[in-house]
Amino acid sequence: MPEATVHIVDDDPVLREALVRLCLSEGLAAVGHGDPGGLAQSLLRRSPECVLLDVRLAEQSGLAVQDTLRADGNTVPIIFLTGYGTIPMSVRAMRGGAVEFLTKPFIADVLVAAIRKALAADAVALAERRARDDLSARLATLTPRERDVLRCAIGGLMNKQIAADLGITEITAKVHKRRVMEKMQARSLADLVRMADQLGIAATRQR
């Protein structure tokens, strides 16, 4: 995972540098942050990322940092590190989507495994987001009439039924349907149905 980056937020410079070195020794890019101030701006979300976040920071708790990121719509995986964890604290962190809640001193192998798990999950999430963005871009190329035909097609209507439903000729319905398949890059009707489901498009059923 050469493009993956681990962001380490800890106000202890010795531990922060040790964590950076650990990540580098595992072939992972690592960025150290003495405070969470510039964290959000450093998360580019173009390649897999995760955050190692100390719960107890000088100016703001790690849990508050997590809340801020989630409120801003940032889904970067977070691994919490703490020297004094409590059950309510860990429950809150996990409910906020934390990947792991580890106590200090940590076991290097356990931490590395958690980091790789977080980065792998983020890689999947980024791929899914890019696929949705690509589908949305294809959908945007459809004309309003082609969108109507799309909804009819995924509802199982044949060309004759689409024509009757939309008040157009069967030949016109066939042409629109072919264009929809081409623009959406759908290889089959089942493929088109899957795409529409991912985009949340409701089907038009036969009346």
Foldseek 3Di string as FASTA:
>chain_A
DQVEEEEEEDLPVVVQVVVCVLQVVVNHHYDYDNHCPCVVVPCPLPAFYAYEAEQDHDPDGSLVVLVVCVVVVHLQEYEYEYADDDPVNQVSCVVSPHQYYYYPPDDSVVVVVSRVVRRVVSRVVSVLVVVLVVQVVLVVPADPLLLLLLQALLQPDQLCQSCVVVVHDSVVSVVSPVVSCVSSVPPDSVSSNVSCVSVVHHHDHRD
